[in-house]
Amino acid sequence: MLRLVGTGMPNGEIAARLLVSEATVKTHLNRLTPKLGISSRAQAVVVAYETGLVRPGR
């Protein structure tokens, strides 16, 4: 989920890719952000890059 968010993919596309509902994607993201100590989707993208889940140009 974090990798897909890190690529800039919107919730609807993430849901389609993972074969879940968009509401499920939102729930997972809402539960993920406090665990990572972040408060926004933009910060999630930064975490995805910093942890190596996403690399520039991919």
PDB file of N, CA and C in Angstrom:
ATOM      1  N   MET A   1       0.824  -1.183   0.000  1.00  0.00           N
ATOM      2  CA  MET A   1       0.000   0.000   0.000  1.00  0.00           C
ATOM      3  C   MET A   1       0.872   1.252   0.000  1.00  0.00           C
ATOM      4  N   LEU A   2       1.860   1.283   0.882  1.00  0.00           N
ATOM      5  CA  LEU A   2       2.726   2.460   0.961  1.00  0.00           C
ATOM      6  C   LEU A   2       3.510   2.648  -0.335  1.00  0.00           C
ATOM      7  N   ARG A   3       3.941   1.565  -0.940  1.00  0.00           N
ATOM      8  CA  ARG A   3       4.668   1.671  -2.206  1.00  0.00           C
ATOM      9  C   ARG A   3       3.786   2.290  -3.283  1.00  0.00           C
ATOM     10  N   LEU A   4       2.536   1.868  -3.348  1.00  0.00           N
ATOM     11  CA  LEU A   4       1.624   2.399  -4.358  1.00  0.00           C
ATOM     12  C   LEU A   4       1.305   3.871  -4.102  1.00  0.00           C
ATOM     13  N   VAL A   5       1.130   4.234  -2.846  1.00  0.00           N
ATOM     14  CA  VAL A   5       0.925   5.648  -2.504  1.00  0.00           C
ATOM     15  C   VAL A   5       2.163   6.440  -2.901  1.00  0.00           C
ATOM     16  N   GLY A   6       3.325   5.861  -2.649  1.00  0.00           N
ATOM     17  CA  GLY A   6       4.581   6.533  -2.978  1.00  0.00           C
ATOM     18  C   GLY A   6       4.767   6.803  -4.451  1.00  0.00           C
ATOM     19  N   THR A   7       4.133   6.018  -5.292  1.00  0.00           N
ATOM     20  CA  THR A   7       4.239   6.259  -6.736  1.00  0.00           C
ATOM     21  C   THR A   7       3.286   7.350  -7.205  1.00  0.00           C
ATOM     22  N   GLY A   8       2.444   7.849  -6.287  1.00  0.00           N
ATOM     23  CA  GLY A   8       1.500   8.896  -6.642  1.00  0.00           C
ATOM     24  C   GLY A   8       0.160   8.370  -7.116  1.00  0.00           C
ATOM     25  N   MET A   9      -0.051   7.086  -6.971  1.00  0.00           N
ATOM     26  CA  MET A   9      -1.291   6.468  -7.425  1.00  0.00           C
ATOM     27  C   MET A   9      -2.466   6.898  -6.534  1.00  0.00           C
ATOM     28  N   PRO A  10      -3.587   7.309  -7.127  1.00  0.00           N
ATOM     29  CA  PRO A  10      -4.753   7.683  -6.319  1.00  0.00           C
ATOM     30  C   PRO A  10      -5.438   6.456  -5.707  1.00  0.00           C
ATOM     31  N   ASN A  11      -6.257   6.702  -4.697  1.00  0.00           N
ATOM     32  CA  ASN A  11      -6.928   5.617  -3.980  1.00  0.00           C
ATOM     33  C   ASN A  11      -7.703   4.680  -4.898  1.00  0.00           C
ATOM     34  N   GLY A  12      -8.398   5.212  -5.882  1.00  0.00           N
ATOM     35  CA  GLY A  12      -9.190   4.386  -6.789  1.00  0.00           C
ATOM     36  C   GLY A  12      -8.330   3.398  -7.566  1.00  0.00           C
ATOM     37  N   GLU A  13      -7.182   3.858  -8.016  1.00  0.00           N
ATOM     38  CA  GLU A  13      -6.274   2.971  -8.758  1.00  0.00           C
ATOM     39  C   GLU A  13      -5.627   1.940  -7.838  1.00  0.00           C
ATOM     40  N   ILE A  14      -5.296   2.362  -6.623  1.00  0.00           N
ATOM     41  CA  ILE A  14      -4.731   1.420  -5.651  1.00  0.00           C
ATOM     42  C   ILE A  14      -5.758   0.322  -5.371  1.00  0.00           C
ATOM     43  N   ALA A  15      -7.009   0.712  -5.178  1.00  0.00           N
ATOM     44  CA  ALA A  15      -8.075  -0.256  -4.907  1.00  0.00           C
ATOM     45  C   ALA A  15      -8.204  -1.253  -6.056  1.00  0.00           C
ATOM     46  N   ALA A  16      -8.189  -0.756  -7.274  1.00  0.00           N
ATOM     47  CA  ALA A  16      -8.305  -1.635  -8.435  1.00  0.00           C
ATOM     48  C   ALA A  16      -7.111  -2.580  -8.531  1.00  0.00           C
ATOM     49  N   ARG A  17      -5.923  -2.074  -8.255  1.00  0.00           N
ATOM     50  CA  ARG A  17      -4.712  -2.889  -8.328  1.00  0.00           C
ATOM     51  C   ARG A  17      -4.722  -4.001  -7.285  1.00  0.00           C
ATOM     52  N   LEU A  18      -5.219  -3.675  -6.075  1.00  0.00           N
ATOM     53  CA  LEU A  18      -5.208  -4.645  -4.973  1.00  0.00           C
ATOM     54  C   LEU A  18      -6.505  -5.448  -4.859  1.00  0.00           C
ATOM     55  N   LEU A  19      -7.451  -5.141  -5.740  1.00  0.00           N
ATOM     56  CA  LEU A  19      -8.744  -5.834  -5.743  1.00  0.00           C
ATOM     57  C   LEU A  19      -9.492  -5.687  -4.418  1.00  0.00           C
ATOM     58  N   VAL A  20      -9.486  -4.456  -3.906  1.00  0.00           N
ATOM     59  CA  VAL A  20     -10.228  -4.120  -2.696  1.00  0.00           C
ATOM     60  C   VAL A  20     -11.043  -2.867  -2.988  1.00  0.00           C
ATOM     61  N   SER A  21     -11.906  -2.495  -2.068  1.00  0.00           N
ATOM     62  CA  SER A  21     -12.694  -1.282  -2.273  1.00  0.00           C
ATOM     63  C   SER A  21     -11.857  -0.044  -1.956  1.00  0.00           C
ATOM     64  N   GLU A  22     -12.299   1.075  -2.478  1.00  0.00           N
ATOM     65  CA  GLU A  22     -11.613   2.330  -2.196  1.00  0.00           C
ATOM     66  C   GLU A  22     -11.709   2.651  -0.698  1.00  0.00           C
ATOM     67  N   ALA A  23     -12.813   2.276  -0.075  1.00  0.00           N
ATOM     68  CA  ALA A  23     -12.964   2.487   1.372  1.00  0.00           C
ATOM     69  C   ALA A  23     -11.912   1.698   2.152  1.00  0.00           C
ATOM     70  N   THR A  24     -11.590   0.507   1.684  1.00  0.00           N
ATOM     71  CA  THR A  24     -10.558  -0.302   2.343  1.00  0.00           C
ATOM     72  C   THR A  24      -9.200   0.371   2.231  1.00  0.00           C
ATOM     73  N   VAL A  25      -8.912   0.935   1.075  1.00  0.00           N
ATOM     74  CA  VAL A  25      -7.649   1.655   0.891  1.00  0.00           C
ATOM     75  C   VAL A  25      -7.585   2.822   1.871  1.00  0.00           C
ATOM     76  N   LYS A  26      -8.660   3.593   1.964  1.00  0.00           N
ATOM     77  CA  LYS A  26      -8.692   4.733   2.880  1.00  0.00           C
ATOM     78  C   LYS A  26      -8.499   4.287   4.322  1.00  0.00           C
ATOM     79  N   THR A  27      -9.129   3.185   4.686  1.00  0.00           N
ATOM     80  CA  THR A  27      -8.989   2.659   6.057  1.00  0.00           C
ATOM     81  C   THR A  27      -7.547   2.283   6.339  1.00  0.00           C
ATOM     82  N   HIS A  28      -6.922   1.577   5.409  1.00  0.00           N
ATOM     83  CA  HIS A  28      -5.530   1.172   5.601  1.00  0.00           C
ATOM     84  C   HIS A  28      -4.617   2.393   5.719  1.00  0.00           C
ATOM     85  N   LEU A  29      -4.842   3.377   4.879  1.00  0.00           N
ATOM     86  CA  LEU A  29      -4.012   4.583   4.947  1.00  0.00           C
ATOM     87  C   LEU A  29      -4.223   5.332   6.259  1.00  0.00           C
ATOM     88  N   ASN A  30      -5.469   5.393   6.706  1.00  0.00           N
ATOM     89  CA  ASN A  30      -5.757   6.069   7.979  1.00  0.00           C
ATOM     90  C   ASN A  30      -5.119   5.347   9.157  1.00  0.00           C
ATOM     91  N   ARG A  31      -4.978   4.053   9.070  1.00  0.00           N
ATOM     92  CA  ARG A  31      -4.326   3.287  10.146  1.00  0.00           C
ATOM     93  C   ARG A  31      -2.808   3.311  10.022  1.00  0.00           C
ATOM     94  N   LEU A  32      -2.331   3.477   8.808  1.00  0.00           N
ATOM     95  CA  LEU A  32      -0.895   3.475   8.554  1.00  0.00           C
ATOM     96  C   LEU A  32      -0.228   4.775   9.003  1.00  0.00           C
ATOM     97  N   THR A  33      -0.883   5.894   8.789  1.00  0.00           N
ATOM     98  CA  THR A  33      -0.243   7.187   9.058  1.00  0.00           C
ATOM     99  C   THR A  33       0.175   7.373  10.521  1.00  0.00           C
ATOM    100  N   PRO A  34      -0.660   7.056  11.499  1.00  0.00           N
ATOM    101  CA  PRO A  34      -0.170   7.222  12.880  1.00  0.00           C
ATOM    102  C   PRO A  34       0.946   6.232  13.227  1.00  0.00           C
ATOM    103  N   LYS A  35       0.915   5.054  12.644  1.00  0.00           N
ATOM    104  CA  LYS A  35       1.962   4.069  12.910  1.00  0.00           C
ATOM    105  C   LYS A  35       3.315   4.550  12.385  1.00  0.00           C
ATOM    106  N   LEU A  36       3.276   5.313  11.312  1.00  0.00           N
ATOM    107  CA  LEU A  36       4.507   5.848  10.730  1.00  0.00           C
ATOM    108  C   LEU A  36       4.883   7.200  11.338  1.00  0.00           C
ATOM    109  N   GLY A  37       3.986   7.745  12.159  1.00  0.00           N
ATOM    110  CA  GLY A  37       4.243   9.042  12.772  1.00  0.00           C
ATOM    111  C   GLY A  37       4.129  10.189  11.799  1.00  0.00           C
ATOM    112  N   ILE A  38       3.247  10.030  10.825  1.00  0.00           N
ATOM    113  CA  ILE A  38       3.046  11.067   9.810  1.00  0.00           C
ATOM    114  C   ILE A  38       1.591  11.512   9.830  1.00  0.00           C
ATOM    115  N   SER A  39       1.309  12.621   9.141  1.00  0.00           N
ATOM    116  CA  SER A  39      -0.063  13.139   9.174  1.00  0.00           C
ATOM    117  C   SER A  39      -0.647  13.451   7.802  1.00  0.00           C
ATOM    118  N   SER A  40       0.095  13.136   6.737  1.00  0.00           N
ATOM    119  CA  SER A  40      -0.432  13.443   5.412  1.00  0.00           C
ATOM    120  C   SER A  40       0.032  12.432   4.378  1.00  0.00           C
ATOM    121  N   ARG A  41      -0.667  12.441   3.263  1.00  0.00           N
ATOM    122  CA  ARG A  41      -0.306  11.570   2.150  1.00  0.00           C
ATOM    123  C   ARG A  41       1.062  11.969   1.588  1.00  0.00           C
ATOM    124  N   ALA A  42       1.333  13.263   1.563  1.00  0.00           N
ATOM    125  CA  ALA A  42       2.626  13.744   1.066  1.00  0.00           C
ATOM    126  C   ALA A  42       3.760  13.191   1.920  1.00  0.00           C
ATOM    127  N   GLN A  43       3.572  13.141   3.224  1.00  0.00           N
ATOM    128  CA  GLN A  43       4.588  12.578   4.100  1.00  0.00           C
ATOM    129  C   GLN A  43       4.738  11.078   3.851  1.00  0.00           C
ATOM    130  N   ALA A  44       3.651  10.403   3.498  1.00  0.00           N
ATOM    131  CA  ALA A  44       3.720   8.974   3.179  1.00  0.00           C
ATOM    132  C   ALA A  44       4.585   8.752   1.945  1.00  0.00           C
ATOM    133  N   VAL A  45       4.473   9.644   0.978  1.00  0.00           N
ATOM    134  CA  VAL A  45       5.310   9.547  -0.225  1.00  0.00           C
ATOM    135  C   VAL A  45       6.781   9.688   0.163  1.00  0.00           C
ATOM    136  N   VAL A  46       7.081  10.641   1.026  1.00  0.00           N
ATOM    137  CA  VAL A  46       8.461  10.841   1.480  1.00  0.00           C
ATOM    138  C   VAL A  46       8.971   9.580   2.167  1.00  0.00           C
ATOM    139  N   VAL A  47       8.177   8.992   3.042  1.00  0.00           N
ATOM    140  CA  VAL A  47       8.577   7.765   3.744  1.00  0.00           C
ATOM    141  C   VAL A  47       8.839   6.644   2.744  1.00  0.00           C
ATOM    142  N   ALA A  48       7.990   6.526   1.740  1.00  0.00           N
ATOM    143  CA  ALA A  48       8.165   5.482   0.728  1.00  0.00           C
ATOM    144  C   ALA A  48       9.511   5.638   0.019  1.00  0.00           C
ATOM    145  N   TYR A  49       9.898   6.872  -0.281  1.00  0.00           N
ATOM    146  CA  TYR A  49      11.191   7.112  -0.915  1.00  0.00           C
ATOM    147  C   TYR A  49      12.344   6.878   0.045  1.00  0.00           C
ATOM    148  N   GLU A  50      12.201   7.388   1.259  1.00  0.00           N
ATOM    149  CA  GLU A  50      13.290   7.282   2.240  1.00  0.00           C
ATOM    150  C   GLU A  50      13.584   5.834   2.637  1.00  0.00           C
ATOM    151  N   THR A  51      12.571   5.001   2.608  1.00  0.00           N
ATOM    152  CA  THR A  51      12.758   3.601   2.991  1.00  0.00           C
ATOM    153  C   THR A  51      13.140   2.725   1.810  1.00  0.00           C
ATOM    154  N   GLY A  52      13.153   3.294   0.605  1.00  0.00           N
ATOM    155  CA  GLY A  52      13.545   2.536  -0.570  1.00  0.00           C
ATOM    156  C   GLY A  52      12.413   1.754  -1.213  1.00  0.00           C
ATOM    157  N   LEU A  53      11.186   1.942  -0.745  1.00  0.00           N
ATOM    158  CA  LEU A  53      10.049   1.267  -1.377  1.00  0.00           C
ATOM    159  C   LEU A  53       9.818   1.796  -2.791  1.00  0.00           C
ATOM    160  N   VAL A  54      10.133   3.071  -2.984  1.00  0.00           N
ATOM    161  CA  VAL A  54       9.977   3.697  -4.296  1.00  0.00           C
ATOM    162  C   VAL A  54      11.298   4.377  -4.624  1.00  0.00           C
ATOM    163  N   ARG A  55      11.714   4.238  -5.876  1.00  0.00           N
ATOM    164  CA  ARG A  55      12.923   4.897  -6.331  1.00  0.00           C
ATOM    165  C   ARG A  55      12.582   5.857  -7.459  1.00  0.00           C
ATOM    166  N   PRO A  56      13.284   6.980  -7.541  1.00  0.00           N
ATOM    167  CA  PRO A  56      13.006   7.936  -8.613  1.00  0.00           C
ATOM    168  C   PRO A  56      13.095   7.288  -9.988  1.00  0.00           C
ATOM    169  N   GLY A  57      12.167   7.655 -10.852  1.00  0.00           N
ATOM    170  CA  GLY A  57      12.178   7.162 -12.216  1.00  0.00           C
ATOM    171  C   GLY A  57      11.529   5.801 -12.407  1.00  0.00           C
ATOM    172  N   ARG A  58      10.922   5.259 -11.364  1.00  0.00           N
ATOM    173  CA  ARG A  58      10.298   3.941 -11.491  1.00  0.00           C
ATOM    174  C   ARG A  58       8.836   4.029 -11.232  1.00  0.00           C
TER     175      ARG A  58
END
